[in-house]
Every structure is written in C-alpha cells, then in structure tokens.
Amino acid sequence: MAKKLHSPGNRFSVDDTIGKEAFVYQQITKNGIGKISLSLYDLTHEVDALSLNGEEIASFTQVKIIKKADERTVVVSPIR
C-alpha cells in the first residue's frame, strides 16, 4: 500500500533554469561565486552562480540565468 504513495517527483536540473529569472541570495563577488534563488516546479531552489562579465552583483538584485557553467553552477546577468 505504501508503494502506491511514492512519487518520483520532479528532479531538479541546472539545465532547466536557463532563461529563467532569479534573485541574488548571496552576493556574487567580483570574479567569484555567489548564490541565487529561484522558483522552479513550485519549489524554491538555491543555485551557485557566476556573473557573466565577472562583475560584482549585490544581494537581492534580479538576474537572468544565461547559461550553465557546470552541473551545480549557472552564469547570470543583472536585469537592468
């Protein structure tokens, strides 16, 4: 009976975040890594992020996810 209740759910993939908007949760330092927060599949996810131009991006700045850097990190650009 319990097996019927099990659901595989949606698996989170960094690939699914490309093109989405998010906000900087933890400041992205100049040429460094920070964290962004976004809603995907009705859940909030925190993802490591780099700035597209290596610039510093302050916390709470709205950004767009441009591409994947690796399996756990995305590249973002501020929305101006």
C-alpha atoms as a PDB file:
ATOM      1  CA  MET A   1       0.000   0.000   0.000  1.00  0.00           C
ATOM      2  CA  ALA A   2       2.820   2.427   0.862  1.00  0.00           C
ATOM      3  CA  LYS A   3       4.435   1.879  -2.549  1.00  0.00           C
ATOM      4  CA  LYS A   4       1.383   3.447  -4.187  1.00  0.00           C
ATOM      5  CA  LEU A   5       2.034   6.675  -2.255  1.00  0.00           C
ATOM      6  CA  HIS A   6       5.598   7.006  -3.526  1.00  0.00           C
ATOM      7  CA  SER A   7       6.126   9.538  -6.291  1.00  0.00           C
ATOM      8  CA  PRO A   8       9.357  10.118  -8.185  1.00  0.00           C
ATOM      9  CA  GLY A   9       8.532  13.848  -8.270  1.00  0.00           C
ATOM     10  CA  ASN A  10      10.371  16.305 -10.446  1.00  0.00           C
ATOM     11  CA  ARG A  11      14.131  16.062 -10.477  1.00  0.00           C
ATOM     12  CA  PHE A  12      15.908  19.399 -10.360  1.00  0.00           C
ATOM     13  CA  SER A  13      18.376  20.052 -13.164  1.00  0.00           C
ATOM     14  CA  VAL A  14      20.501  23.151 -13.701  1.00  0.00           C
ATOM     15  CA  ASP A  15      19.635  22.859 -17.415  1.00  0.00           C
ATOM     16  CA  ASP A  16      16.006  23.682 -16.566  1.00  0.00           C
ATOM     17  CA  THR A  17      16.998  27.060 -15.088  1.00  0.00           C
ATOM     18  CA  ILE A  18      18.444  28.563 -18.293  1.00  0.00           C
ATOM     19  CA  GLY A  19      16.440  31.594 -19.397  1.00  0.00           C
ATOM     20  CA  LYS A  20      14.665  31.919 -16.044  1.00  0.00           C
ATOM     21  CA  GLU A  21      14.759  34.943 -13.762  1.00  0.00           C
ATOM     22  CA  ALA A  22      16.008  34.745 -10.186  1.00  0.00           C
ATOM     23  CA  PHE A  23      17.369  36.998  -7.471  1.00  0.00           C
ATOM     24  CA  VAL A  24      20.785  37.025  -5.875  1.00  0.00           C
ATOM     25  CA  TYR A  25      20.511  35.359  -2.477  1.00  0.00           C
ATOM     26  CA  GLN A  26      24.189  35.689  -1.538  1.00  0.00           C
ATOM     27  CA  GLN A  27      26.282  38.410  -3.187  1.00  0.00           C
ATOM     28  CA  ILE A  28      28.234  37.362  -6.261  1.00  0.00           C
ATOM     29  CA  THR A  29      31.732  38.734  -5.723  1.00  0.00           C
ATOM     30  CA  LYS A  30      33.899  40.145  -8.494  1.00  0.00           C
ATOM     31  CA  ASN A  31      35.183  37.119 -10.468  1.00  0.00           C
ATOM     32  CA  GLY A  32      33.689  34.912  -7.745  1.00  0.00           C
ATOM     33  CA  ILE A  33      30.706  32.766  -6.898  1.00  0.00           C
ATOM     34  CA  GLY A  34      27.524  33.670  -5.051  1.00  0.00           C
ATOM     35  CA  LYS A  35      24.084  32.093  -4.768  1.00  0.00           C
ATOM     36  CA  ILE A  36      20.804  32.782  -6.498  1.00  0.00           C
ATOM     37  CA  SER A  37      17.310  31.752  -5.517  1.00  0.00           C
ATOM     38  CA  LEU A  38      14.563  30.831  -7.954  1.00  0.00           C
ATOM     39  CA  SER A  39      11.238  29.088  -8.020  1.00  0.00           C
ATOM     40  CA  LEU A  40      11.037  26.031 -10.248  1.00  0.00           C
ATOM     41  CA  TYR A  41       8.468  23.216 -10.147  1.00  0.00           C
ATOM     42  CA  ASP A  42       6.672  25.067  -7.322  1.00  0.00           C
ATOM     43  CA  LEU A  43       9.774  24.751  -5.132  1.00  0.00           C
ATOM     44  CA  THR A  44      12.442  27.295  -4.251  1.00  0.00           C
ATOM     45  CA  HIS A  45      15.983  26.323  -5.220  1.00  0.00           C
ATOM     46  CA  GLU A  46      19.333  27.871  -4.328  1.00  0.00           C
ATOM     47  CA  VAL A  47      21.975  27.574  -7.037  1.00  0.00           C
ATOM     48  CA  ASP A  48      25.630  28.656  -7.187  1.00  0.00           C
ATOM     49  CA  ALA A  49      26.117  31.481  -9.695  1.00  0.00           C
ATOM     50  CA  LEU A  50      28.834  33.398 -11.523  1.00  0.00           C
ATOM     51  CA  SER A  51      28.457  36.816 -13.123  1.00  0.00           C
ATOM     52  CA  LEU A  52      28.545  36.850 -16.938  1.00  0.00           C
ATOM     53  CA  ASN A  53      31.097  39.694 -17.054  1.00  0.00           C
ATOM     54  CA  GLY A  54      32.909  38.882 -13.820  1.00  0.00           C
ATOM     55  CA  GLU A  55      31.278  41.883 -12.154  1.00  0.00           C
ATOM     56  CA  GLU A  56      30.041  42.033  -8.585  1.00  0.00           C
ATOM     57  CA  ILE A  57      26.281  41.647  -8.174  1.00  0.00           C
ATOM     58  CA  ALA A  58      24.702  42.707  -4.886  1.00  0.00           C
ATOM     59  CA  SER A  59      22.251  40.607  -2.898  1.00  0.00           C
ATOM     60  CA  PHE A  60      18.571  40.983  -3.859  1.00  0.00           C
ATOM     61  CA  THR A  61      19.439  42.023  -7.435  1.00  0.00           C
ATOM     62  CA  GLN A  62      17.164  40.447 -10.039  1.00  0.00           C
ATOM     63  CA  VAL A  63      19.122  38.425 -12.601  1.00  0.00           C
ATOM     64  CA  LYS A  64      18.534  36.283 -15.680  1.00  0.00           C
ATOM     65  CA  ILE A  65      20.198  32.896 -15.987  1.00  0.00           C
ATOM     66  CA  ILE A  66      22.207  32.904 -19.217  1.00  0.00           C
ATOM     67  CA  LYS A  67      23.892  29.506 -19.309  1.00  0.00           C
ATOM     68  CA  LYS A  68      25.220  26.582 -17.308  1.00  0.00           C
ATOM     69  CA  ALA A  69      28.813  26.756 -16.058  1.00  0.00           C
ATOM     70  CA  ASP A  70      28.782  23.203 -14.671  1.00  0.00           C
ATOM     71  CA  GLU A  71      26.304  20.773 -13.099  1.00  0.00           C
ATOM     72  CA  ARG A  72      25.842  22.954  -9.981  1.00  0.00           C
ATOM     73  CA  THR A  73      26.665  26.473 -11.201  1.00  0.00           C
ATOM     74  CA  VAL A  74      24.976  28.908 -13.588  1.00  0.00           C
ATOM     75  CA  VAL A  75      26.088  32.140 -15.245  1.00  0.00           C
ATOM     76  CA  VAL A  76      23.823  35.152 -14.674  1.00  0.00           C
ATOM     77  CA  SER A  77      23.403  38.711 -15.855  1.00  0.00           C
ATOM     78  CA  PRO A  78      21.638  41.511 -13.934  1.00  0.00           C
ATOM     79  CA  ILE A  79      18.290  42.651 -15.271  1.00  0.00           C
ATOM     80  CA  ARG A  80      18.510  46.406 -15.689  1.00  0.00           C
END
